[in-house]
Amino acid sequence: MSEITPDLVRHLGVLARIQLSDQEVTSLTGELDAIVSNIAKVSEVATADVAATSHPIPLVNVFREDEPGDMLTLEQALLNAPDSDGSRFRVTAILGEEQ
């Protein structure tokens, strides 16, 4: 028997503060039941001797060497800034604290 009932879907809608029509409740009941069934199938297959993975293939970092390159001058960095004081960017305070 299905674990997901229309009453449960309506209850979840109330908890999520989502107003659901009767058609949406009917549709979501079937969809959520399929999702729960698929999760149950995966849970049956997963065993303690199978290691958990976050990716199906091993990941390898391909970082390059950290070597300094050409750098901007102060004037180049501030060239297109909307507001600056000559040596740094000037931005609006966001925490309400004056510095």
N, C-alpha and C. Protein backbone atom coordinates (compact mmCIF):
# COMPACT_ATOMS: atom_id res chain seq x y z
N MET A 1 0.84 -1.19 0.00
CA MET A 1 0.00 0.00 0.00
C MET A 1 0.88 1.24 0.00
N SER A 2 0.38 2.28 -0.62
CA SER A 2 1.14 3.51 -0.77
C SER A 2 1.32 4.23 0.57
N GLU A 3 2.54 4.71 0.79
CA GLU A 3 2.82 5.47 2.01
C GLU A 3 2.32 6.91 1.90
N ILE A 4 2.25 7.40 0.67
CA ILE A 4 1.86 8.80 0.43
C ILE A 4 0.37 8.85 0.12
N THR A 5 -0.35 9.56 0.95
CA THR A 5 -1.80 9.72 0.75
C THR A 5 -2.11 11.17 0.44
N PRO A 6 -3.26 11.43 -0.16
CA PRO A 6 -3.64 12.82 -0.42
C PRO A 6 -3.68 13.67 0.86
N ASP A 7 -4.09 13.07 1.96
CA ASP A 7 -4.13 13.81 3.23
C ASP A 7 -2.71 14.21 3.66
N LEU A 8 -1.75 13.30 3.46
CA LEU A 8 -0.36 13.60 3.80
C LEU A 8 0.17 14.73 2.91
N VAL A 9 -0.17 14.70 1.63
CA VAL A 9 0.27 15.76 0.71
C VAL A 9 -0.34 17.10 1.12
N ARG A 10 -1.61 17.10 1.50
CA ARG A 10 -2.24 18.34 1.96
C ARG A 10 -1.55 18.85 3.22
N HIS A 11 -1.22 17.93 4.14
CA HIS A 11 -0.53 18.30 5.38
C HIS A 11 0.84 18.90 5.07
N LEU A 12 1.58 18.27 4.15
CA LEU A 12 2.88 18.80 3.76
C LEU A 12 2.73 20.18 3.12
N GLY A 13 1.67 20.38 2.35
CA GLY A 13 1.41 21.69 1.76
C GLY A 13 1.17 22.75 2.81
N VAL A 14 0.44 22.39 3.86
CA VAL A 14 0.20 23.32 4.97
C VAL A 14 1.51 23.65 5.68
N LEU A 15 2.33 22.64 5.93
CA LEU A 15 3.61 22.87 6.60
C LEU A 15 4.52 23.76 5.76
N ALA A 16 4.48 23.58 4.44
CA ALA A 16 5.32 24.37 3.54
C ALA A 16 4.67 25.70 3.18
N ARG A 17 3.46 25.91 3.69
CA ARG A 17 2.69 27.12 3.40
C ARG A 17 2.48 27.31 1.91
N ILE A 18 2.11 26.18 1.26
CA ILE A 18 1.81 26.17 -0.17
C ILE A 18 0.35 25.77 -0.32
N GLN A 19 -0.40 26.60 -1.01
CA GLN A 19 -1.80 26.27 -1.24
C GLN A 19 -1.88 25.36 -2.46
N LEU A 20 -2.44 24.17 -2.28
CA LEU A 20 -2.51 23.18 -3.35
C LEU A 20 -3.96 22.94 -3.76
N SER A 21 -4.18 22.89 -5.07
CA SER A 21 -5.51 22.56 -5.56
C SER A 21 -5.69 21.04 -5.49
N ASP A 22 -6.93 20.56 -5.67
CA ASP A 22 -7.19 19.12 -5.64
C ASP A 22 -6.42 18.40 -6.75
N GLN A 23 -6.31 19.04 -7.91
CA GLN A 23 -5.57 18.44 -9.03
C GLN A 23 -4.07 18.33 -8.68
N GLU A 24 -3.53 19.36 -8.04
CA GLU A 24 -2.12 19.32 -7.63
C GLU A 24 -1.88 18.26 -6.57
N VAL A 25 -2.82 18.12 -5.64
CA VAL A 25 -2.70 17.10 -4.59
C VAL A 25 -2.68 15.71 -5.24
N THR A 26 -3.56 15.47 -6.18
CA THR A 26 -3.61 14.18 -6.86
C THR A 26 -2.31 13.91 -7.61
N SER A 27 -1.82 14.91 -8.33
CA SER A 27 -0.58 14.77 -9.09
C SER A 27 0.62 14.53 -8.17
N LEU A 28 0.72 15.33 -7.12
CA LEU A 28 1.84 15.22 -6.20
C LEU A 28 1.82 13.91 -5.41
N THR A 29 0.62 13.39 -5.14
CA THR A 29 0.53 12.11 -4.43
C THR A 29 1.22 11.02 -5.22
N GLY A 30 0.96 10.95 -6.51
CA GLY A 30 1.60 9.94 -7.35
C GLY A 30 3.09 10.17 -7.49
N GLU A 31 3.49 11.44 -7.69
CA GLU A 31 4.90 11.76 -7.87
C GLU A 31 5.70 11.48 -6.59
N LEU A 32 5.19 11.91 -5.46
CA LEU A 32 5.90 11.67 -4.21
C LEU A 32 5.97 10.19 -3.87
N ASP A 33 4.90 9.45 -4.20
CA ASP A 33 4.92 8.01 -3.97
C ASP A 33 6.00 7.34 -4.82
N ALA A 34 6.16 7.78 -6.06
CA ALA A 34 7.20 7.22 -6.93
C ALA A 34 8.58 7.54 -6.38
N ILE A 35 8.76 8.75 -5.87
CA ILE A 35 10.05 9.14 -5.29
C ILE A 35 10.37 8.29 -4.07
N VAL A 36 9.41 8.12 -3.18
CA VAL A 36 9.63 7.32 -1.97
C VAL A 36 9.93 5.87 -2.35
N SER A 37 9.23 5.34 -3.35
CA SER A 37 9.47 3.96 -3.79
C SER A 37 10.88 3.80 -4.34
N ASN A 38 11.34 4.77 -5.13
CA ASN A 38 12.69 4.69 -5.68
C ASN A 38 13.76 4.81 -4.59
N ILE A 39 13.51 5.63 -3.61
CA ILE A 39 14.46 5.75 -2.50
C ILE A 39 14.52 4.43 -1.73
N ALA A 40 13.38 3.77 -1.57
CA ALA A 40 13.35 2.48 -0.87
C ALA A 40 14.15 1.44 -1.66
N LYS A 41 14.07 1.48 -2.99
CA LYS A 41 14.83 0.53 -3.81
C LYS A 41 16.33 0.76 -3.63
N VAL A 42 16.74 2.00 -3.61
CA VAL A 42 18.16 2.32 -3.42
C VAL A 42 18.61 1.87 -2.04
N SER A 43 17.78 2.06 -1.05
CA SER A 43 18.13 1.65 0.32
C SER A 43 18.29 0.14 0.42
N GLU A 44 17.52 -0.62 -0.37
CA GLU A 44 17.66 -2.08 -0.36
C GLU A 44 19.00 -2.51 -0.93
N VAL A 45 19.47 -1.80 -1.95
CA VAL A 45 20.72 -2.15 -2.61
C VAL A 45 21.93 -1.75 -1.79
N ALA A 46 21.86 -0.60 -1.14
CA ALA A 46 22.99 -0.10 -0.37
C ALA A 46 23.26 -1.03 0.80
N THR A 47 24.49 -1.51 0.87
CA THR A 47 24.87 -2.39 1.96
C THR A 47 26.06 -1.79 2.71
N ALA A 48 26.35 -2.34 3.86
CA ALA A 48 27.43 -1.80 4.69
C ALA A 48 28.80 -1.98 4.05
N ASP A 49 28.95 -3.00 3.19
CA ASP A 49 30.27 -3.23 2.59
C ASP A 49 30.52 -2.39 1.34
N VAL A 50 29.54 -1.58 0.92
CA VAL A 50 29.72 -0.68 -0.23
C VAL A 50 30.04 0.71 0.31
N ALA A 51 31.20 1.21 -0.09
CA ALA A 51 31.62 2.53 0.40
C ALA A 51 30.77 3.63 -0.23
N ALA A 52 30.42 4.62 0.58
CA ALA A 52 29.66 5.76 0.08
C ALA A 52 30.55 6.62 -0.80
N THR A 53 29.98 7.14 -1.88
CA THR A 53 30.75 8.00 -2.79
C THR A 53 29.94 9.24 -3.10
N SER A 54 30.66 10.31 -3.41
CA SER A 54 29.97 11.53 -3.82
C SER A 54 30.01 11.70 -5.33
N HIS A 55 30.90 10.94 -6.00
CA HIS A 55 31.03 10.99 -7.45
C HIS A 55 31.22 9.56 -7.98
N PRO A 56 30.72 9.29 -9.17
CA PRO A 56 30.86 7.94 -9.70
C PRO A 56 32.28 7.61 -10.15
N ILE A 57 33.08 8.62 -10.42
CA ILE A 57 34.47 8.40 -10.82
C ILE A 57 35.38 9.19 -9.91
N PRO A 58 36.60 8.74 -9.70
CA PRO A 58 37.52 9.48 -8.82
C PRO A 58 37.85 10.85 -9.41
N LEU A 59 37.95 11.83 -8.57
CA LEU A 59 38.30 13.18 -9.01
C LEU A 59 39.78 13.43 -8.76
N VAL A 60 40.40 14.14 -9.69
CA VAL A 60 41.80 14.47 -9.57
C VAL A 60 41.94 15.98 -9.74
N ASN A 61 42.62 16.62 -8.81
CA ASN A 61 42.85 18.05 -8.94
C ASN A 61 43.86 18.32 -10.04
N VAL A 62 43.61 19.35 -10.82
CA VAL A 62 44.51 19.71 -11.91
C VAL A 62 45.01 21.14 -11.72
N PHE A 63 45.42 21.43 -10.51
CA PHE A 63 45.89 22.77 -10.20
C PHE A 63 47.22 23.05 -10.89
N ARG A 64 47.39 24.27 -11.28
CA ARG A 64 48.66 24.69 -11.84
C ARG A 64 49.52 25.24 -10.72
N GLU A 65 50.77 25.40 -10.98
CA GLU A 65 51.67 25.99 -10.00
C GLU A 65 51.25 27.44 -9.75
N ASP A 66 51.34 27.86 -8.53
CA ASP A 66 50.97 29.22 -8.16
C ASP A 66 52.17 30.13 -8.37
N GLU A 67 52.22 30.74 -9.54
CA GLU A 67 53.33 31.61 -9.89
C GLU A 67 52.81 33.02 -10.12
N PRO A 68 53.48 34.02 -9.55
CA PRO A 68 53.02 35.40 -9.77
C PRO A 68 53.14 35.77 -11.24
N GLY A 69 52.16 36.50 -11.72
CA GLY A 69 52.16 36.95 -13.12
C GLY A 69 52.13 38.47 -13.17
N ASP A 70 51.76 38.99 -14.32
CA ASP A 70 51.65 40.43 -14.47
C ASP A 70 50.55 40.96 -13.56
N MET A 71 50.84 42.03 -12.86
CA MET A 71 49.88 42.58 -11.92
C MET A 71 49.43 43.95 -12.39
N LEU A 72 48.22 44.33 -11.99
CA LEU A 72 47.70 45.65 -12.32
C LEU A 72 48.36 46.69 -11.43
N THR A 73 48.53 47.87 -11.99
CA THR A 73 48.98 48.99 -11.16
C THR A 73 47.78 49.50 -10.39
N LEU A 74 48.00 50.30 -9.39
CA LEU A 74 46.91 50.87 -8.61
C LEU A 74 45.97 51.67 -9.50
N GLU A 75 46.50 52.42 -10.41
CA GLU A 75 45.68 53.24 -11.31
C GLU A 75 44.83 52.36 -12.22
N GLN A 76 45.41 51.25 -12.72
CA GLN A 76 44.65 50.35 -13.59
C GLN A 76 43.52 49.67 -12.81
N ALA A 77 43.78 49.29 -11.58
CA ALA A 77 42.77 48.62 -10.76
C ALA A 77 41.59 49.54 -10.45
N LEU A 78 41.87 50.83 -10.25
CA LEU A 78 40.83 51.79 -9.89
C LEU A 78 40.23 52.51 -11.09
N LEU A 79 40.69 52.19 -12.29
CA LEU A 79 40.29 52.91 -13.49
C LEU A 79 38.78 52.93 -13.70
N ASN A 80 38.11 51.81 -13.59
CA ASN A 80 36.67 51.74 -13.84
C ASN A 80 35.84 51.65 -12.56
N ALA A 81 36.44 51.91 -11.43
CA ALA A 81 35.71 51.85 -10.16
C ALA A 81 34.68 52.97 -10.12
N PRO A 82 33.47 52.69 -9.67
CA PRO A 82 32.46 53.74 -9.57
C PRO A 82 32.84 54.83 -8.57
N ASP A 83 33.59 54.46 -7.54
CA ASP A 83 34.00 55.46 -6.54
C ASP A 83 35.29 54.96 -5.87
N SER A 84 36.24 55.85 -5.73
CA SER A 84 37.48 55.50 -5.05
C SER A 84 38.02 56.75 -4.37
N ASP A 85 38.94 56.54 -3.43
CA ASP A 85 39.55 57.68 -2.76
C ASP A 85 40.99 57.87 -3.22
N GLY A 86 41.34 57.27 -4.35
CA GLY A 86 42.68 57.43 -4.89
C GLY A 86 43.58 56.25 -4.60
N SER A 87 43.33 55.54 -3.51
CA SER A 87 44.18 54.39 -3.19
C SER A 87 43.39 53.12 -2.91
N ARG A 88 42.06 53.21 -2.88
CA ARG A 88 41.23 52.02 -2.62
C ARG A 88 39.81 52.27 -3.10
N PHE A 89 39.06 51.19 -3.24
CA PHE A 89 37.66 51.29 -3.63
C PHE A 89 36.87 51.88 -2.47
N ARG A 90 35.88 52.70 -2.79
CA ARG A 90 34.99 53.24 -1.77
C ARG A 90 33.62 52.62 -2.01
N VAL A 91 33.08 51.99 -0.95
CA VAL A 91 31.78 51.34 -1.04
C VAL A 91 30.88 51.82 0.10
N THR A 92 29.59 51.61 -0.10
CA THR A 92 28.63 52.01 0.92
C THR A 92 28.72 51.07 2.11
N ALA A 93 28.65 51.62 3.31
CA ALA A 93 28.68 50.81 4.52
C ALA A 93 27.42 49.93 4.53
N ILE A 94 27.60 48.65 4.86
CA ILE A 94 26.44 47.76 4.88
C ILE A 94 26.06 47.32 6.28
N LEU A 95 26.92 47.56 7.24
CA LEU A 95 26.62 47.13 8.60
C LEU A 95 26.17 48.27 9.50
N GLY A 96 26.07 49.47 8.94
CA GLY A 96 25.62 50.60 9.72
C GLY A 96 26.67 51.14 10.66
N GLU A 97 27.91 50.72 10.51
CA GLU A 97 28.98 51.18 11.36
C GLU A 97 29.89 52.12 10.58
N GLU A 98 30.20 53.21 11.15
CA GLU A 98 31.12 54.15 10.52
C GLU A 98 32.55 53.75 10.88
N GLN A 99 33.44 53.86 9.92
CA GLN A 99 34.82 53.48 10.20
C GLN A 99 35.72 54.67 9.96
